[in-house]
Amino acid sequence: MQVPGLTTIKSHRGARETMNRLEEAVKARGMTVFARIDHAAGASAVGMPLNPTEVLIFGNARGGTPLMQSAPTIGIDLPLKALVWQDASGETWLSFNDPAWLAQRHGLSGAETAVGNLTAALNALAKEAISE
């Protein structure tokens, strides 16, 4: 499954543990967790089934502000978001927007360092969340 601009990585852990580890890794790096949204709980509340599906919204003004200074519209995609979800076969996945794709979407130029830093941070967070 390929979605343009979306990075999706298989986790070696269950959905809850993957999300817990991601949240811990975000906090350990001094980033702010703005929200953790449990879509499966929301579905259950209205009597509908949904495999484990959670979104973590997080970020750091030091990383996002330079991008918004260049293109205020990127604020629609910030703070960062990561989705942990379980497919029909029970496999767990971690998905997040590719910062380079976000930069392209918003026509950012001259933000290569900031984009590179965000990409490295997301990849490190993902590795911590999904690794054995």
N, C-alpha and C. Protein backbone atom coordinates (compact mmCIF):
# COMPACT_ATOMS: atom_id res chain seq x y z
N MET A 1 0.84 -1.18 0.00
CA MET A 1 0.00 0.00 0.00
C MET A 1 0.89 1.24 0.00
N GLN A 2 0.82 1.98 -1.08
CA GLN A 2 1.59 3.22 -1.21
C GLN A 2 0.63 4.40 -1.28
N VAL A 3 0.84 5.37 -0.42
CA VAL A 3 0.09 6.61 -0.44
C VAL A 3 1.11 7.73 -0.63
N PRO A 4 0.98 8.54 -1.68
CA PRO A 4 1.97 9.60 -1.91
C PRO A 4 2.15 10.51 -0.69
N GLY A 5 3.40 10.72 -0.30
CA GLY A 5 3.71 11.60 0.81
C GLY A 5 3.57 10.99 2.18
N LEU A 6 3.19 9.72 2.23
CA LEU A 6 2.98 9.04 3.51
C LEU A 6 4.02 7.94 3.68
N THR A 7 4.68 7.94 4.81
CA THR A 7 5.62 6.88 5.15
C THR A 7 4.89 5.89 6.05
N THR A 8 4.90 4.62 5.69
CA THR A 8 4.25 3.58 6.48
C THR A 8 5.24 2.46 6.73
N ILE A 9 5.41 2.12 8.01
CA ILE A 9 6.41 1.14 8.44
C ILE A 9 5.72 0.08 9.30
N LYS A 10 6.04 -1.17 9.05
CA LYS A 10 5.48 -2.26 9.85
C LYS A 10 6.14 -2.28 11.22
N SER A 11 5.33 -2.46 12.24
CA SER A 11 5.83 -2.54 13.61
C SER A 11 5.99 -4.00 14.02
N HIS A 12 6.97 -4.25 14.86
CA HIS A 12 7.18 -5.58 15.42
C HIS A 12 6.45 -5.73 16.75
N ARG A 13 5.64 -4.77 17.08
CA ARG A 13 4.91 -4.75 18.34
C ARG A 13 3.42 -4.58 18.06
N GLY A 14 2.62 -4.76 19.09
CA GLY A 14 1.19 -4.53 18.96
C GLY A 14 0.89 -3.04 18.86
N ALA A 15 -0.34 -2.72 18.51
CA ALA A 15 -0.72 -1.32 18.30
C ALA A 15 -0.55 -0.48 19.57
N ARG A 16 -1.06 -0.95 20.68
CA ARG A 16 -1.00 -0.18 21.94
C ARG A 16 0.45 0.04 22.35
N GLU A 17 1.26 -1.02 22.30
CA GLU A 17 2.65 -0.89 22.70
C GLU A 17 3.43 0.02 21.75
N THR A 18 3.14 -0.08 20.46
CA THR A 18 3.80 0.79 19.49
C THR A 18 3.48 2.25 19.81
N MET A 19 2.21 2.55 20.05
CA MET A 19 1.83 3.93 20.35
C MET A 19 2.42 4.40 21.67
N ASN A 20 2.41 3.54 22.68
CA ASN A 20 3.00 3.92 23.96
C ASN A 20 4.48 4.24 23.81
N ARG A 21 5.18 3.41 23.07
CA ARG A 21 6.61 3.64 22.86
C ARG A 21 6.86 4.91 22.05
N LEU A 22 6.01 5.18 21.07
CA LEU A 22 6.14 6.41 20.30
C LEU A 22 5.94 7.62 21.19
N GLU A 23 4.90 7.60 21.99
CA GLU A 23 4.64 8.73 22.89
C GLU A 23 5.80 8.94 23.86
N GLU A 24 6.33 7.86 24.42
CA GLU A 24 7.48 7.97 25.32
C GLU A 24 8.69 8.57 24.62
N ALA A 25 8.94 8.15 23.39
CA ALA A 25 10.08 8.65 22.63
C ALA A 25 9.92 10.13 22.32
N VAL A 26 8.72 10.55 21.98
CA VAL A 26 8.45 11.97 21.70
C VAL A 26 8.73 12.80 22.95
N LYS A 27 8.21 12.37 24.08
CA LYS A 27 8.41 13.10 25.33
C LYS A 27 9.88 13.12 25.74
N ALA A 28 10.58 12.00 25.54
CA ALA A 28 11.99 11.91 25.91
C ALA A 28 12.85 12.89 25.12
N ARG A 29 12.39 13.29 23.94
CA ARG A 29 13.12 14.25 23.11
C ARG A 29 12.69 15.69 23.38
N GLY A 30 11.87 15.88 24.39
CA GLY A 30 11.47 17.22 24.78
C GLY A 30 10.38 17.83 23.91
N MET A 31 9.75 17.01 23.09
CA MET A 31 8.65 17.52 22.27
C MET A 31 7.36 17.50 23.09
N THR A 32 6.41 18.28 22.64
CA THR A 32 5.11 18.37 23.30
C THR A 32 4.13 17.40 22.65
N VAL A 33 3.42 16.64 23.47
CA VAL A 33 2.31 15.82 22.98
C VAL A 33 1.06 16.66 23.18
N PHE A 34 0.42 17.01 22.07
CA PHE A 34 -0.78 17.83 22.13
C PHE A 34 -2.03 16.99 22.30
N ALA A 35 -2.04 15.81 21.71
CA ALA A 35 -3.22 14.95 21.83
C ALA A 35 -2.88 13.53 21.42
N ARG A 36 -3.62 12.61 21.98
CA ARG A 36 -3.59 11.20 21.58
C ARG A 36 -5.04 10.81 21.34
N ILE A 37 -5.36 10.52 20.10
CA ILE A 37 -6.74 10.28 19.71
C ILE A 37 -6.93 8.79 19.41
N ASP A 38 -7.86 8.17 20.13
CA ASP A 38 -8.16 6.75 19.95
C ASP A 38 -9.40 6.62 19.08
N HIS A 39 -9.18 6.43 17.78
CA HIS A 39 -10.30 6.32 16.84
C HIS A 39 -11.13 5.06 17.10
N ALA A 40 -10.49 3.98 17.54
CA ALA A 40 -11.23 2.74 17.82
C ALA A 40 -12.20 2.95 18.98
N ALA A 41 -11.78 3.71 19.99
CA ALA A 41 -12.67 4.00 21.11
C ALA A 41 -13.85 4.84 20.64
N GLY A 42 -13.58 5.80 19.76
CA GLY A 42 -14.67 6.62 19.21
C GLY A 42 -15.65 5.79 18.42
N ALA A 43 -15.13 4.87 17.63
CA ALA A 43 -16.00 3.98 16.85
C ALA A 43 -16.85 3.12 17.78
N SER A 44 -16.21 2.59 18.80
CA SER A 44 -16.92 1.74 19.76
C SER A 44 -18.04 2.50 20.46
N ALA A 45 -17.80 3.78 20.73
CA ALA A 45 -18.81 4.60 21.42
C ALA A 45 -20.07 4.78 20.59
N VAL A 46 -19.96 4.61 19.27
CA VAL A 46 -21.15 4.72 18.43
C VAL A 46 -21.56 3.36 17.87
N GLY A 47 -21.05 2.29 18.49
CA GLY A 47 -21.46 0.94 18.14
C GLY A 47 -20.88 0.40 16.85
N MET A 48 -19.72 0.93 16.45
CA MET A 48 -19.10 0.48 15.20
C MET A 48 -17.74 -0.14 15.49
N PRO A 49 -17.42 -1.22 14.80
CA PRO A 49 -16.11 -1.84 15.02
C PRO A 49 -15.01 -1.10 14.25
N LEU A 50 -13.82 -1.06 14.84
CA LEU A 50 -12.65 -0.51 14.18
C LEU A 50 -11.43 -1.13 14.84
N ASN A 51 -10.54 -1.67 14.03
CA ASN A 51 -9.29 -2.19 14.57
C ASN A 51 -8.55 -1.07 15.31
N PRO A 52 -7.63 -1.43 16.21
CA PRO A 52 -6.87 -0.39 16.92
C PRO A 52 -6.31 0.64 15.94
N THR A 53 -6.63 1.90 16.20
CA THR A 53 -6.23 3.01 15.35
C THR A 53 -6.10 4.25 16.23
N GLU A 54 -4.88 4.74 16.39
CA GLU A 54 -4.65 5.92 17.23
C GLU A 54 -3.76 6.92 16.50
N VAL A 55 -4.00 8.20 16.77
CA VAL A 55 -3.19 9.27 16.23
C VAL A 55 -2.51 10.00 17.39
N LEU A 56 -1.23 10.28 17.23
CA LEU A 56 -0.50 11.10 18.19
C LEU A 56 -0.18 12.42 17.49
N ILE A 57 -0.54 13.53 18.12
CA ILE A 57 -0.25 14.86 17.60
C ILE A 57 0.82 15.46 18.50
N PHE A 58 1.94 15.84 17.90
CA PHE A 58 3.09 16.26 18.69
C PHE A 58 3.96 17.23 17.90
N GLY A 59 4.84 17.90 18.61
CA GLY A 59 5.75 18.78 17.91
C GLY A 59 6.57 19.63 18.84
N ASN A 60 7.28 20.57 18.21
CA ASN A 60 8.16 21.46 18.92
C ASN A 60 8.21 22.76 18.12
N ALA A 61 7.94 23.87 18.77
CA ALA A 61 7.92 25.16 18.07
C ALA A 61 9.25 25.47 17.41
N ARG A 62 10.35 25.01 17.99
CA ARG A 62 11.67 25.26 17.40
C ARG A 62 11.79 24.60 16.03
N GLY A 63 11.15 23.46 15.84
CA GLY A 63 11.22 22.78 14.55
C GLY A 63 10.18 23.26 13.56
N GLY A 64 8.99 23.58 14.03
CA GLY A 64 7.92 23.94 13.12
C GLY A 64 7.87 25.41 12.73
N THR A 65 8.29 26.28 13.63
CA THR A 65 8.19 27.71 13.35
C THR A 65 8.96 28.14 12.11
N PRO A 66 10.20 27.69 11.90
CA PRO A 66 10.90 28.11 10.68
C PRO A 66 10.14 27.73 9.40
N LEU A 67 9.46 26.60 9.42
CA LEU A 67 8.67 26.20 8.26
C LEU A 67 7.48 27.13 8.07
N MET A 68 6.81 27.49 9.17
CA MET A 68 5.65 28.38 9.06
C MET A 68 6.07 29.81 8.72
N GLN A 69 7.28 30.19 9.09
CA GLN A 69 7.77 31.51 8.69
C GLN A 69 7.94 31.58 7.18
N SER A 70 8.31 30.47 6.58
CA SER A 70 8.50 30.41 5.13
C SER A 70 7.18 30.26 4.38
N ALA A 71 6.28 29.46 4.93
CA ALA A 71 4.99 29.19 4.28
C ALA A 71 3.94 28.97 5.37
N PRO A 72 3.20 30.01 5.74
CA PRO A 72 2.21 29.87 6.81
C PRO A 72 1.21 28.74 6.59
N THR A 73 0.95 28.37 5.34
CA THR A 73 -0.04 27.32 5.08
C THR A 73 0.37 25.96 5.62
N ILE A 74 1.67 25.76 5.88
CA ILE A 74 2.10 24.47 6.42
C ILE A 74 1.55 24.25 7.83
N GLY A 75 1.06 25.34 8.44
CA GLY A 75 0.43 25.22 9.75
C GLY A 75 -0.77 24.28 9.75
N ILE A 76 -1.37 24.04 8.59
CA ILE A 76 -2.49 23.08 8.52
C ILE A 76 -1.99 21.66 8.74
N ASP A 77 -0.70 21.42 8.46
CA ASP A 77 -0.12 20.09 8.61
C ASP A 77 0.77 19.97 9.86
N LEU A 78 0.87 21.04 10.62
CA LEU A 78 1.64 21.02 11.86
C LEU A 78 0.68 21.30 13.01
N PRO A 79 0.91 20.78 14.19
CA PRO A 79 2.02 19.93 14.57
C PRO A 79 2.00 18.60 13.82
N LEU A 80 3.07 17.88 13.99
CA LEU A 80 3.21 16.58 13.34
C LEU A 80 2.19 15.59 13.86
N LYS A 81 1.89 14.61 13.04
CA LYS A 81 0.95 13.56 13.42
C LYS A 81 1.52 12.20 13.03
N ALA A 82 1.27 11.23 13.87
CA ALA A 82 1.65 9.85 13.55
C ALA A 82 0.45 8.97 13.84
N LEU A 83 0.22 8.02 12.95
CA LEU A 83 -0.91 7.10 13.06
C LEU A 83 -0.39 5.70 13.31
N VAL A 84 -0.89 5.06 14.35
CA VAL A 84 -0.60 3.65 14.60
C VAL A 84 -1.90 2.91 14.38
N TRP A 85 -1.85 1.89 13.52
CA TRP A 85 -3.08 1.19 13.15
C TRP A 85 -2.80 -0.28 12.92
N GLN A 86 -3.87 -1.04 13.05
CA GLN A 86 -3.79 -2.49 12.86
C GLN A 86 -4.64 -2.85 11.65
N ASP A 87 -4.06 -3.64 10.74
CA ASP A 87 -4.80 -4.04 9.55
C ASP A 87 -5.69 -5.25 9.83
N ALA A 88 -6.42 -5.70 8.83
CA ALA A 88 -7.37 -6.80 8.99
C ALA A 88 -6.71 -8.11 9.39
N SER A 89 -5.43 -8.27 9.05
CA SER A 89 -4.73 -9.51 9.41
C SER A 89 -4.03 -9.42 10.77
N GLY A 90 -4.20 -8.29 11.47
CA GLY A 90 -3.63 -8.14 12.80
C GLY A 90 -2.23 -7.54 12.83
N GLU A 91 -1.70 -7.16 11.67
CA GLU A 91 -0.38 -6.52 11.62
C GLU A 91 -0.51 -5.06 12.06
N THR A 92 0.52 -4.56 12.74
CA THR A 92 0.52 -3.18 13.21
C THR A 92 1.44 -2.34 12.34
N TRP A 93 0.99 -1.12 12.05
CA TRP A 93 1.71 -0.20 11.17
C TRP A 93 1.81 1.18 11.81
N LEU A 94 2.86 1.89 11.45
CA LEU A 94 3.06 3.27 11.87
C LEU A 94 3.16 4.12 10.61
N SER A 95 2.33 5.14 10.51
CA SER A 95 2.32 6.01 9.33
C SER A 95 2.49 7.46 9.76
N PHE A 96 3.21 8.23 8.92
CA PHE A 96 3.36 9.67 9.16
C PHE A 96 3.65 10.37 7.84
N ASN A 97 3.34 11.65 7.79
CA ASN A 97 3.60 12.45 6.59
C ASN A 97 5.10 12.65 6.42
N ASP A 98 5.57 12.53 5.19
CA ASP A 98 6.97 12.77 4.85
C ASP A 98 7.20 14.29 4.85
N PRO A 99 8.11 14.80 5.68
CA PRO A 99 8.35 16.24 5.71
C PRO A 99 8.72 16.84 4.35
N ALA A 100 9.44 16.10 3.53
CA ALA A 100 9.79 16.61 2.19
C ALA A 100 8.53 16.79 1.35
N TRP A 101 7.59 15.87 1.48
CA TRP A 101 6.32 15.98 0.77
C TRP A 101 5.54 17.19 1.27
N LEU A 102 5.54 17.40 2.59
CA LEU A 102 4.86 18.58 3.15
C LEU A 102 5.49 19.86 2.61
N ALA A 103 6.81 19.90 2.56
CA ALA A 103 7.51 21.08 2.05
C ALA A 103 7.12 21.34 0.60
N GLN A 104 7.07 20.28 -0.19
CA GLN A 104 6.68 20.42 -1.59
C GLN A 104 5.23 20.88 -1.70
N ARG A 105 4.38 20.29 -0.91
CA ARG A 105 2.95 20.63 -0.93
C ARG A 105 2.73 22.12 -0.69
N HIS A 106 3.54 22.69 0.20
CA HIS A 106 3.36 24.09 0.59
C HIS A 106 4.33 25.03 -0.12
N GLY A 107 5.08 24.50 -1.08
CA GLY A 107 5.97 25.33 -1.87
C GLY A 107 7.12 25.93 -1.09
N LEU A 108 7.60 25.22 -0.08
CA LEU A 108 8.72 25.72 0.72
C LEU A 108 10.01 25.66 -0.09
N SER A 109 10.78 26.69 0.02
CA SER A 109 12.12 26.66 -0.57
C SER A 109 13.09 27.20 0.47
N GLY A 110 14.30 26.70 0.44
CA GLY A 110 15.29 27.13 1.41
C GLY A 110 15.09 26.56 2.80
N ALA A 111 14.28 25.54 2.92
CA ALA A 111 14.00 24.94 4.23
C ALA A 111 14.58 23.54 4.33
N GLU A 112 15.59 23.26 3.52
CA GLU A 112 16.14 21.91 3.47
C GLU A 112 16.66 21.43 4.82
N THR A 113 17.30 22.33 5.57
CA THR A 113 17.83 21.94 6.88
C THR A 113 16.71 21.56 7.83
N ALA A 114 15.68 22.40 7.90
CA ALA A 114 14.54 22.12 8.78
C ALA A 114 13.83 20.83 8.37
N VAL A 115 13.65 20.64 7.07
CA VAL A 115 13.00 19.43 6.57
C VAL A 115 13.86 18.21 6.89
N GLY A 116 15.15 18.33 6.70
CA GLY A 116 16.06 17.23 7.02
C GLY A 116 16.03 16.88 8.49
N ASN A 117 15.99 17.90 9.35
CA ASN A 117 15.92 17.66 10.79
C ASN A 117 14.62 16.96 11.18
N LEU A 118 13.50 17.39 10.59
CA LEU A 118 12.22 16.74 10.88
C LEU A 118 12.21 15.30 10.39
N THR A 119 12.76 15.08 9.21
CA THR A 119 12.81 13.72 8.66
C THR A 119 13.63 12.81 9.57
N ALA A 120 14.79 13.28 10.00
CA ALA A 120 15.65 12.49 10.88
C ALA A 120 14.94 12.21 12.21
N ALA A 121 14.28 13.21 12.75
CA ALA A 121 13.58 13.02 14.03
C ALA A 121 12.45 12.01 13.89
N LEU A 122 11.65 12.12 12.83
CA LEU A 122 10.55 11.17 12.63
C LEU A 122 11.07 9.75 12.43
N ASN A 123 12.13 9.61 11.66
CA ASN A 123 12.69 8.27 11.44
C ASN A 123 13.21 7.67 12.73
N ALA A 124 13.86 8.48 13.57
CA ALA A 124 14.36 7.99 14.87
C ALA A 124 13.21 7.60 15.79
N LEU A 125 12.17 8.43 15.83
CA LEU A 125 11.01 8.11 16.66
C LEU A 125 10.35 6.82 16.20
N ALA A 126 10.21 6.68 14.89
CA ALA A 126 9.58 5.47 14.34
C ALA A 126 10.39 4.24 14.70
N LYS A 127 11.70 4.33 14.56
CA LYS A 127 12.55 3.19 14.87
C LYS A 127 12.40 2.76 16.33
N GLU A 128 12.34 3.74 17.22
CA GLU A 128 12.16 3.41 18.64
C GLU A 128 10.80 2.76 18.90
N ALA A 129 9.78 3.25 18.22
CA ALA A 129 8.42 2.77 18.46
C ALA A 129 8.21 1.36 17.94
N ILE A 130 8.81 1.01 16.82
CA ILE A 130 8.48 -0.26 16.17
C ILE A 130 9.49 -1.38 16.41
N SER A 131 10.69 -1.03 16.90
CA SER A 131 11.76 -2.03 16.98
C SER A 131 11.49 -3.08 18.04
N GLU A 132 12.16 -4.21 17.84
CA GLU A 132 12.00 -5.33 18.79
C GLU A 132 12.79 -5.09 20.04
